[in-house]
Amino acid sequence: MSSFNSYMVILSTYLVSSVSYVSCQWSSTEKYKNSLFILAMVSGLSGLLVHFNTLLSDIAQQNGLSLSLINIISLIGFQLALIAIVAAFNKSLRGFAGGIIFIAGLSALLSIWSINQWGQSNIEIKALTWQTKTHVLSSLFAYGLLCTGAIISLFALIQDKRLRARKITSLNALFAPLEMTEQLLFSITKAGFASLFVAIFSGIIFIDNIFSQHLAHKTILSLIALIMFGILIFGRNFYGWRGRSAIYFYLIAFFTLAISYFGTRFILENILGKSWS
């Protein structure tokens, strides 16, 4: 199956899964909730399996890893779908899971658009040592986790705004209790912080003269983001930080991290014509 057809299957299954998860939360579907949940899980897992195989084919090359922006966005989409499916085992989080897996579907849609515009990319890359692969894969894992956290932050902000405005409608069924949403956010923050720590310091240890290369600013911004996430975790554990201030702090830290990678790479490859690696 070509990558284009694979992503069509991924998009379709994720959309079916998303709609089914959301439908589980409506009171009008009470009699069909179990069937809808099974449909959501089967569709989501099917899409996840196809997504995994497609990523292996597109990213894992004979001489190393093909890390185009589209492949990385697709990989993050895969992580989002995986987290959504795991979260959906908690009944209160199924509305959230529907939103997350819908966003994962958008990453597949972006891949379809990219292939349709430019065709399947066949990028030749240099062989990577296991040390470099450790750095790259831990970086991608951290970005995916913290990206999921940013999306959860947006869910929490919307929920907080609705509660403050005392908007009690059927849409509230799509949101988990705000306290549970915040707990999920900080759990992902801790996992993302640990992964980012491994990514940054494996890069410092394994990549020669990383601060003297043209990616020094990427490393510095990543370190700043790491420190900010560390401060947030410290504040949560010792001072009980929560609410909008903590969420905004998270989003600022994530924006710093996103600029350190995606912004840097876009400028290097599309404006300066240099390679990020």
C-alpha atoms as a PDB file:
ATOM      1  CA  MET A   1       0.000   0.000   0.000  1.00  0.00           C
ATOM      2  CA  SER A   2       1.374   3.424  -0.936  1.00  0.00           C
ATOM      3  CA  SER A   3       1.861   6.098   1.725  1.00  0.00           C
ATOM      4  CA  PHE A   4      -0.959   8.137   0.162  1.00  0.00           C
ATOM      5  CA  ASN A   5      -3.447   5.260   0.469  1.00  0.00           C
ATOM      6  CA  SER A   6      -2.178   4.422   3.965  1.00  0.00           C
ATOM      7  CA  TYR A   7      -2.802   7.958   5.178  1.00  0.00           C
ATOM      8  CA  MET A   8      -6.279   7.890   3.648  1.00  0.00           C
ATOM      9  CA  VAL A   9      -7.010   4.790   5.745  1.00  0.00           C
ATOM     10  CA  ILE A  10      -5.476   6.441   8.828  1.00  0.00           C
ATOM     11  CA  LEU A  11      -7.546   9.599   8.351  1.00  0.00           C
ATOM     12  CA  SER A  12     -10.780   7.626   7.881  1.00  0.00           C
ATOM     13  CA  THR A  13     -10.277   5.351  10.896  1.00  0.00           C
ATOM     14  CA  TYR A  14      -9.246   8.217  13.184  1.00  0.00           C
ATOM     15  CA  LEU A  15     -12.300  10.261  12.192  1.00  0.00           C
ATOM     16  CA  VAL A  16     -14.623   7.312  12.835  1.00  0.00           C
ATOM     17  CA  SER A  17     -12.925   6.752  16.187  1.00  0.00           C
ATOM     18  CA  SER A  18     -13.180  10.450  17.087  1.00  0.00           C
ATOM     19  CA  VAL A  19     -16.885  10.696  16.297  1.00  0.00           C
ATOM     20  CA  SER A  20     -17.576   7.456  18.180  1.00  0.00           C
ATOM     21  CA  TYR A  21     -15.718   8.595  21.310  1.00  0.00           C
ATOM     22  CA  VAL A  22     -17.563  11.906  21.324  1.00  0.00           C
ATOM     23  CA  SER A  23     -20.901  10.159  20.751  1.00  0.00           C
ATOM     24  CA  CYS A  24     -20.239   8.022  23.836  1.00  0.00           C
ATOM     25  CA  GLN A  25     -20.597  11.158  25.952  1.00  0.00           C
ATOM     26  CA  TRP A  26     -24.063  12.234  24.763  1.00  0.00           C
ATOM     27  CA  SER A  27     -26.970  11.283  27.008  1.00  0.00           C
ATOM     28  CA  SER A  28     -29.068  10.524  23.908  1.00  0.00           C
ATOM     29  CA  THR A  29     -26.775   7.593  23.037  1.00  0.00           C
ATOM     30  CA  GLU A  30     -27.029   5.900  26.435  1.00  0.00           C
ATOM     31  CA  LYS A  31     -28.252   2.591  24.950  1.00  0.00           C
ATOM     32  CA  TYR A  32     -25.417   2.469  22.412  1.00  0.00           C
ATOM     33  CA  LYS A  33     -22.469   3.599  24.527  1.00  0.00           C
ATOM     34  CA  ASN A  34     -20.826   0.183  24.741  1.00  0.00           C
ATOM     35  CA  SER A  35     -21.177  -0.401  21.002  1.00  0.00           C
ATOM     36  CA  LEU A  36     -19.866   3.075  20.225  1.00  0.00           C
ATOM     37  CA  PHE A  37     -16.887   2.558  22.531  1.00  0.00           C
ATOM     38  CA  ILE A  38     -16.049  -0.754  20.851  1.00  0.00           C
ATOM     39  CA  LEU A  39     -16.331   0.879  17.413  1.00  0.00           C
ATOM     40  CA  ALA A  40     -14.094   3.731  18.574  1.00  0.00           C
ATOM     41  CA  MET A  41     -11.468   1.340  19.931  1.00  0.00           C
ATOM     42  CA  VAL A  42     -11.465  -0.953  16.897  1.00  0.00           C
ATOM     43  CA  SER A  43     -11.263   1.979  14.464  1.00  0.00           C
ATOM     44  CA  GLY A  44      -8.603   3.749  16.504  1.00  0.00           C
ATOM     45  CA  LEU A  45      -6.445   0.658  16.950  1.00  0.00           C
ATOM     46  CA  SER A  46      -6.761  -0.221  13.252  1.00  0.00           C
ATOM     47  CA  GLY A  47      -5.643   3.275  12.278  1.00  0.00           C
ATOM     48  CA  LEU A  48      -2.845   3.119  14.846  1.00  0.00           C
ATOM     49  CA  LEU A  49      -1.518  -0.141  13.372  1.00  0.00           C
ATOM     50  CA  VAL A  50      -1.560   1.232   9.815  1.00  0.00           C
ATOM     51  CA  HIS A  51       0.019   4.472  11.074  1.00  0.00           C
ATOM     52  CA  PHE A  52       2.827   2.546  12.791  1.00  0.00           C
ATOM     53  CA  ASN A  53       3.609   0.505   9.669  1.00  0.00           C
ATOM     54  CA  THR A  54       3.534   3.635   7.507  1.00  0.00           C
ATOM     55  CA  LEU A  55       5.919   5.476   9.819  1.00  0.00           C
ATOM     56  CA  LEU A  56       8.324   2.531   9.805  1.00  0.00           C
ATOM     57  CA  SER A  57       8.304   2.577   6.003  1.00  0.00           C
ATOM     58  CA  ASP A  58       8.679   6.358   5.675  1.00  0.00           C
ATOM     59  CA  ILE A  59      11.113   7.102   8.511  1.00  0.00           C
ATOM     60  CA  ALA A  60      13.295   4.011   8.828  1.00  0.00           C
ATOM     61  CA  GLN A  61      15.647   4.118   5.845  1.00  0.00           C
ATOM     62  CA  GLN A  62      18.500   1.781   5.016  1.00  0.00           C
ATOM     63  CA  ASN A  63      21.151   4.289   6.097  1.00  0.00           C
ATOM     64  CA  GLY A  64      19.365   5.981   8.972  1.00  0.00           C
ATOM     65  CA  LEU A  65      16.236   8.015   9.699  1.00  0.00           C
ATOM     66  CA  SER A  66      14.281  10.208   7.286  1.00  0.00           C
ATOM     67  CA  LEU A  67      13.230  13.153   9.431  1.00  0.00           C
ATOM     68  CA  SER A  68      11.322  15.478   7.133  1.00  0.00           C
ATOM     69  CA  LEU A  69       8.908  17.858   8.853  1.00  0.00           C
ATOM     70  CA  ILE A  70       5.942  15.907   7.494  1.00  0.00           C
ATOM     71  CA  ASN A  71       7.319  12.640   8.905  1.00  0.00           C
ATOM     72  CA  ILE A  72       7.860  14.268  12.294  1.00  0.00           C
ATOM     73  CA  ILE A  73       4.358  15.752  12.361  1.00  0.00           C
ATOM     74  CA  SER A  74       2.997  12.324  11.425  1.00  0.00           C
ATOM     75  CA  LEU A  75       4.995  10.746  14.259  1.00  0.00           C
ATOM     76  CA  ILE A  76       3.546  13.266  16.727  1.00  0.00           C
ATOM     77  CA  GLY A  77       0.090  12.446  15.344  1.00  0.00           C
ATOM     78  CA  PHE A  78       0.763   8.776  16.062  1.00  0.00           C
ATOM     79  CA  GLN A  79       1.657   9.608  19.673  1.00  0.00           C
ATOM     80  CA  LEU A  80      -1.502  11.694  20.016  1.00  0.00           C
ATOM     81  CA  ALA A  81      -3.651   8.806  18.767  1.00  0.00           C
ATOM     82  CA  LEU A  82      -1.932   6.360  21.111  1.00  0.00           C
ATOM     83  CA  ILE A  83      -2.463   8.615  24.146  1.00  0.00           C
ATOM     84  CA  ALA A  84      -6.104   9.170  23.129  1.00  0.00           C
ATOM     85  CA  ILE A  85      -6.800   5.443  22.972  1.00  0.00           C
ATOM     86  CA  VAL A  86      -5.175   4.828  26.359  1.00  0.00           C
ATOM     87  CA  ALA A  87      -7.028   7.794  27.912  1.00  0.00           C
ATOM     88  CA  ALA A  88     -10.367   6.536  26.563  1.00  0.00           C
ATOM     89  CA  PHE A  89     -10.371   3.635  29.020  1.00  0.00           C
ATOM     90  CA  ASN A  90     -11.360   6.286  31.574  1.00  0.00           C
ATOM     91  CA  LYS A  91     -15.005   7.108  30.832  1.00  0.00           C
ATOM     92  CA  SER A  92     -14.580  10.736  31.875  1.00  0.00           C
ATOM     93  CA  LEU A  93     -11.813  11.239  29.304  1.00  0.00           C
ATOM     94  CA  ARG A  94     -13.589   9.890  26.216  1.00  0.00           C
ATOM     95  CA  GLY A  95     -14.655  13.320  25.031  1.00  0.00           C
ATOM     96  CA  PHE A  96     -11.049  14.445  25.394  1.00  0.00           C
ATOM     97  CA  ALA A  97      -9.895  11.307  23.539  1.00  0.00           C
ATOM     98  CA  GLY A  98     -12.229  12.145  20.661  1.00  0.00           C
ATOM     99  CA  GLY A  99     -10.681  15.599  20.349  1.00  0.00           C
ATOM    100  CA  ILE A 100      -7.105  14.303  20.535  1.00  0.00           C
ATOM    101  CA  ILE A 101      -7.566  11.560  17.952  1.00  0.00           C
ATOM    102  CA  PHE A 102      -9.296  14.078  15.670  1.00  0.00           C
ATOM    103  CA  ILE A 103      -6.123  16.192  15.798  1.00  0.00           C
ATOM    104  CA  ALA A 104      -4.122  13.033  15.035  1.00  0.00           C
ATOM    105  CA  GLY A 105      -6.334  12.678  11.964  1.00  0.00           C
ATOM    106  CA  LEU A 106      -5.397  16.219  10.930  1.00  0.00           C
ATOM    107  CA  SER A 107      -1.736  15.176  10.913  1.00  0.00           C
ATOM    108  CA  ALA A 108      -2.674  12.392   8.480  1.00  0.00           C
ATOM    109  CA  LEU A 109      -4.590  14.931   6.373  1.00  0.00           C
ATOM    110  CA  LEU A 110      -1.492  17.128   6.261  1.00  0.00           C
ATOM    111  CA  SER A 111       0.556  14.138   5.091  1.00  0.00           C
ATOM    112  CA  ILE A 112      -1.991  13.451   2.330  1.00  0.00           C
ATOM    113  CA  TRP A 113      -1.801  17.071   1.208  1.00  0.00           C
ATOM    114  CA  SER A 114       2.001  17.000   1.255  1.00  0.00           C
ATOM    115  CA  ILE A 115       2.198  13.815  -0.828  1.00  0.00           C
ATOM    116  CA  ASN A 116      -0.370  15.186  -3.270  1.00  0.00           C
ATOM    117  CA  GLN A 117       1.607  18.430  -3.633  1.00  0.00           C
ATOM    118  CA  TRP A 118       5.179  17.168  -3.786  1.00  0.00           C
ATOM    119  CA  GLY A 119       4.974  13.389  -4.014  1.00  0.00           C
ATOM    120  CA  GLN A 120       6.576  10.890  -1.681  1.00  0.00           C
ATOM    121  CA  SER A 121       9.870  12.233  -0.404  1.00  0.00           C
ATOM    122  CA  ASN A 122      12.913  10.032  -0.846  1.00  0.00           C
ATOM    123  CA  ILE A 123      15.542  11.838   1.193  1.00  0.00           C
ATOM    124  CA  GLU A 124      19.015  10.343   1.261  1.00  0.00           C
ATOM    125  CA  ILE A 125      20.541  10.693   4.681  1.00  0.00           C
ATOM    126  CA  LYS A 126      23.836   9.879   6.318  1.00  0.00           C
ATOM    127  CA  ALA A 127      24.254   6.849   8.528  1.00  0.00           C
ATOM    128  CA  LEU A 128      23.431   7.582  12.167  1.00  0.00           C
ATOM    129  CA  THR A 129      25.218   6.125  15.153  1.00  0.00           C
ATOM    130  CA  TRP A 130      23.200   4.617  17.971  1.00  0.00           C
ATOM    131  CA  GLN A 131      24.129   7.644  20.089  1.00  0.00           C
ATOM    132  CA  THR A 132      22.634  10.050  17.529  1.00  0.00           C
ATOM    133  CA  LYS A 133      19.555   7.864  17.151  1.00  0.00           C
ATOM    134  CA  THR A 134      19.099   7.933  20.949  1.00  0.00           C
ATOM    135  CA  HIS A 135      19.200  11.724  20.897  1.00  0.00           C
ATOM    136  CA  VAL A 136      16.849  12.061  17.903  1.00  0.00           C
ATOM    137  CA  LEU A 137      14.250   9.528  19.051  1.00  0.00           C
ATOM    138  CA  SER A 138      14.155  10.813  22.637  1.00  0.00           C
ATOM    139  CA  SER A 139      13.727  14.338  21.244  1.00  0.00           C
ATOM    140  CA  LEU A 140      10.780  13.290  19.091  1.00  0.00           C
ATOM    141  CA  PHE A 141       9.199  11.389  21.975  1.00  0.00           C
ATOM    142  CA  ALA A 142       9.526  14.464  24.214  1.00  0.00           C
ATOM    143  CA  TYR A 143       8.061  16.797  21.571  1.00  0.00           C
ATOM    144  CA  GLY A 144       5.104  14.460  21.077  1.00  0.00           C
ATOM    145  CA  LEU A 145       4.338  14.205  24.783  1.00  0.00           C
ATOM    146  CA  LEU A 146       4.654  17.926  25.417  1.00  0.00           C
ATOM    147  CA  CYS A 147       2.587  18.706  22.299  1.00  0.00           C
ATOM    148  CA  THR A 148      -0.166  16.531  23.754  1.00  0.00           C
ATOM    149  CA  GLY A 149       0.171  18.482  26.985  1.00  0.00           C
ATOM    150  CA  ALA A 150      -0.277  21.752  25.063  1.00  0.00           C
ATOM    151  CA  ILE A 151      -3.509  20.442  23.554  1.00  0.00           C
ATOM    152  CA  ILE A 152      -4.722  19.350  27.005  1.00  0.00           C
ATOM    153  CA  SER A 153      -3.861  22.862  28.237  1.00  0.00           C
ATOM    154  CA  LEU A 154      -6.170  24.335  25.612  1.00  0.00           C
ATOM    155  CA  PHE A 155      -8.925  21.936  26.687  1.00  0.00           C
ATOM    156  CA  ALA A 156      -8.408  23.063  30.294  1.00  0.00           C
ATOM    157  CA  LEU A 157      -8.533  26.756  29.359  1.00  0.00           C
ATOM    158  CA  ILE A 158     -11.781  26.303  27.436  1.00  0.00           C
ATOM    159  CA  GLN A 159     -13.257  24.335  30.321  1.00  0.00           C
ATOM    160  CA  ASP A 160     -12.137  26.931  32.880  1.00  0.00           C
ATOM    161  CA  LYS A 161     -13.651  29.730  30.795  1.00  0.00           C
ATOM    162  CA  ARG A 162     -16.967  27.906  30.499  1.00  0.00           C
ATOM    163  CA  LEU A 163     -17.086  27.239  34.232  1.00  0.00           C
ATOM    164  CA  ARG A 164     -16.327  30.871  35.069  1.00  0.00           C
ATOM    165  CA  ALA A 165     -19.070  31.977  32.688  1.00  0.00           C
ATOM    166  CA  ARG A 166     -21.364  29.346  34.255  1.00  0.00           C
ATOM    167  CA  LYS A 167     -22.142  27.848  30.870  1.00  0.00           C
ATOM    168  CA  ILE A 168     -23.714  24.497  31.696  1.00  0.00           C
ATOM    169  CA  THR A 169     -24.761  22.907  28.422  1.00  0.00           C
ATOM    170  CA  SER A 170     -24.580  19.514  26.741  1.00  0.00           C
ATOM    171  CA  LEU A 171     -21.034  20.409  25.613  1.00  0.00           C
ATOM    172  CA  ASN A 172     -19.872  19.951  29.194  1.00  0.00           C
ATOM    173  CA  ALA A 173     -20.256  16.212  28.675  1.00  0.00           C
ATOM    174  CA  LEU A 174     -17.246  16.338  26.335  1.00  0.00           C
ATOM    175  CA  PHE A 175     -14.954  17.575  29.107  1.00  0.00           C
ATOM    176  CA  ALA A 176     -13.541  15.660  32.035  1.00  0.00           C
ATOM    177  CA  PRO A 177     -13.679  17.357  35.466  1.00  0.00           C
ATOM    178  CA  LEU A 178     -11.181  20.237  35.434  1.00  0.00           C
ATOM    179  CA  GLU A 179      -9.195  18.724  38.309  1.00  0.00           C
ATOM    180  CA  MET A 180      -8.765  15.477  36.345  1.00  0.00           C
ATOM    181  CA  THR A 181      -7.698  17.418  33.247  1.00  0.00           C
ATOM    182  CA  GLU A 182      -5.044  19.248  35.278  1.00  0.00           C
ATOM    183  CA  GLN A 183      -3.811  15.998  36.826  1.00  0.00           C
ATOM    184  CA  LEU A 184      -3.450  14.492  33.353  1.00  0.00           C
ATOM    185  CA  LEU A 185      -1.614  17.609  32.169  1.00  0.00           C
ATOM    186  CA  PHE A 186       0.947  17.482  34.974  1.00  0.00           C
ATOM    187  CA  SER A 187       1.459  13.730  34.577  1.00  0.00           C
ATOM    188  CA  ILE A 188       2.318  14.302  30.909  1.00  0.00           C
ATOM    189  CA  THR A 189       4.483  17.287  31.895  1.00  0.00           C
ATOM    190  CA  LYS A 190       6.580  15.082  34.172  1.00  0.00           C
ATOM    191  CA  ALA A 191       7.014  12.399  31.490  1.00  0.00           C
ATOM    192  CA  GLY A 192       7.777  15.041  28.872  1.00  0.00           C
ATOM    193  CA  PHE A 193      10.299  16.743  31.166  1.00  0.00           C
ATOM    194  CA  ALA A 194      12.132  13.441  31.746  1.00  0.00           C
ATOM    195  CA  SER A 195      12.202  12.689  28.008  1.00  0.00           C
ATOM    196  CA  LEU A 196      13.380  16.211  27.165  1.00  0.00           C
ATOM    197  CA  PHE A 197      16.119  15.946  29.801  1.00  0.00           C
ATOM    198  CA  VAL A 198      17.389  12.730  28.173  1.00  0.00           C
ATOM    199  CA  ALA A 199      17.145  14.300  24.705  1.00  0.00           C
ATOM    200  CA  ILE A 200      19.087  17.457  25.563  1.00  0.00           C
ATOM    201  CA  PHE A 201      21.848  15.848  27.586  1.00  0.00           C
ATOM    202  CA  SER A 202      22.289  12.947  25.175  1.00  0.00           C
ATOM    203  CA  GLY A 203      22.819  15.614  22.519  1.00  0.00           C
ATOM    204  CA  ILE A 204      25.356  17.446  24.676  1.00  0.00           C
ATOM    205  CA  ILE A 205      27.202  14.198  25.430  1.00  0.00           C
ATOM    206  CA  PHE A 206      27.065  12.488  22.039  1.00  0.00           C
ATOM    207  CA  ILE A 207      27.175  15.367  19.533  1.00  0.00           C
ATOM    208  CA  ASP A 208      30.576  17.009  19.198  1.00  0.00           C
ATOM    209  CA  ASN A 209      30.806  20.780  19.712  1.00  0.00           C
ATOM    210  CA  ILE A 210      27.030  21.207  19.751  1.00  0.00           C
ATOM    211  CA  PHE A 211      27.294  24.757  21.103  1.00  0.00           C
ATOM    212  CA  SER A 212      29.704  25.832  18.367  1.00  0.00           C
ATOM    213  CA  GLN A 213      27.464  24.646  15.527  1.00  0.00           C
ATOM    214  CA  HIS A 214      24.729  26.658  13.838  1.00  0.00           C
ATOM    215  CA  LEU A 215      22.248  24.849  16.113  1.00  0.00           C
ATOM    216  CA  ALA A 216      23.571  26.341  19.347  1.00  0.00           C
ATOM    217  CA  HIS A 217      20.488  28.559  19.644  1.00  0.00           C
ATOM    218  CA  LYS A 218      18.269  25.460  19.290  1.00  0.00           C
ATOM    219  CA  THR A 219      20.051  23.856  22.243  1.00  0.00           C
ATOM    220  CA  ILE A 220      19.825  27.014  24.348  1.00  0.00           C
ATOM    221  CA  LEU A 221      16.097  27.433  23.690  1.00  0.00           C
ATOM    222  CA  SER A 222      15.533  23.758  24.529  1.00  0.00           C
ATOM    223  CA  LEU A 223      17.421  24.214  27.808  1.00  0.00           C
ATOM    224  CA  ILE A 224      15.281  27.252  28.644  1.00  0.00           C
ATOM    225  CA  ALA A 225      12.130  25.213  27.957  1.00  0.00           C
ATOM    226  CA  LEU A 226      13.479  22.366  30.123  1.00  0.00           C
ATOM    227  CA  ILE A 227      14.102  24.762  33.020  1.00  0.00           C
ATOM    228  CA  MET A 228      10.609  26.243  32.637  1.00  0.00           C
ATOM    229  CA  PHE A 229       8.966  22.803  32.712  1.00  0.00           C
ATOM    230  CA  GLY A 230      11.102  21.957  35.759  1.00  0.00           C
ATOM    231  CA  ILE A 231       9.945  25.128  37.547  1.00  0.00           C
ATOM    232  CA  LEU A 232       6.329  24.268  36.723  1.00  0.00           C
ATOM    233  CA  ILE A 233       6.668  20.753  38.158  1.00  0.00           C
ATOM    234  CA  PHE A 234       8.398  22.150  41.276  1.00  0.00           C
ATOM    235  CA  GLY A 235       5.643  24.726  41.743  1.00  0.00           C
ATOM    236  CA  ARG A 236       2.940  22.093  41.340  1.00  0.00           C
ATOM    237  CA  ASN A 237       4.547  19.649  43.804  1.00  0.00           C
ATOM    238  CA  PHE A 238       5.555  22.118  46.533  1.00  0.00           C
ATOM    239  CA  TYR A 239       3.188  25.057  46.130  1.00  0.00           C
ATOM    240  CA  GLY A 240       0.136  23.451  44.532  1.00  0.00           C
ATOM    241  CA  TRP A 241       0.232  25.523  41.346  1.00  0.00           C
ATOM    242  CA  ARG A 242      -2.889  25.070  39.242  1.00  0.00           C
ATOM    243  CA  GLY A 243      -5.435  26.995  37.223  1.00  0.00           C
ATOM    244  CA  ARG A 244      -4.946  29.453  34.376  1.00  0.00           C
ATOM    245  CA  SER A 245      -1.577  30.811  35.536  1.00  0.00           C
ATOM    246  CA  ALA A 246      -0.010  27.338  35.547  1.00  0.00           C
ATOM    247  CA  ILE A 247      -1.587  26.522  32.180  1.00  0.00           C
ATOM    248  CA  TYR A 248      -0.311  29.743  30.592  1.00  0.00           C
ATOM    249  CA  PHE A 249       3.155  29.028  32.014  1.00  0.00           C
ATOM    250  CA  TYR A 250       3.039  25.573  30.389  1.00  0.00           C
ATOM    251  CA  LEU A 251       2.034  27.022  27.021  1.00  0.00           C
ATOM    252  CA  ILE A 252       4.869  29.575  27.126  1.00  0.00           C
ATOM    253  CA  ALA A 253       7.360  26.785  27.878  1.00  0.00           C
ATOM    254  CA  PHE A 254       5.963  24.677  25.046  1.00  0.00           C
ATOM    255  CA  PHE A 255       6.058  27.614  22.626  1.00  0.00           C
ATOM    256  CA  THR A 256       9.742  28.100  23.499  1.00  0.00           C
ATOM    257  CA  LEU A 257      10.386  24.417  22.800  1.00  0.00           C
ATOM    258  CA  ALA A 258       8.431  24.499  19.528  1.00  0.00           C
ATOM    259  CA  ILE A 259      10.411  27.510  18.317  1.00  0.00           C
ATOM    260  CA  SER A 260      13.653  25.783  19.278  1.00  0.00           C
ATOM    261  CA  TYR A 261      12.928  22.939  16.874  1.00  0.00           C
ATOM    262  CA  PHE A 262      10.327  23.766  14.242  1.00  0.00           C
ATOM    263  CA  GLY A 263      11.180  27.447  13.981  1.00  0.00           C
ATOM    264  CA  THR A 264      14.901  26.760  13.824  1.00  0.00           C
ATOM    265  CA  ARG A 265      14.499  24.039  11.239  1.00  0.00           C
ATOM    266  CA  PHE A 266      12.200  26.086   9.032  1.00  0.00           C
ATOM    267  CA  ILE A 267      14.623  29.022   9.015  1.00  0.00           C
ATOM    268  CA  LEU A 268      17.670  26.833   8.381  1.00  0.00           C
ATOM    269  CA  GLU A 269      16.204  24.696   5.606  1.00  0.00           C
ATOM    270  CA  ASN A 270      13.815  27.097   3.878  1.00  0.00           C
ATOM    271  CA  ILE A 271      15.503  30.491   4.352  1.00  0.00           C
ATOM    272  CA  LEU A 272      19.216  29.839   4.902  1.00  0.00           C
ATOM    273  CA  GLY A 273      19.372  26.636   2.858  1.00  0.00           C
ATOM    274  CA  LYS A 274      21.322  24.729   5.516  1.00  0.00           C
ATOM    275  CA  SER A 275      20.806  21.290   6.986  1.00  0.00           C
ATOM    276  CA  TRP A 276      19.694  20.908  10.604  1.00  0.00           C
ATOM    277  CA  SER A 277      21.781  17.758  11.114  1.00  0.00           C
END
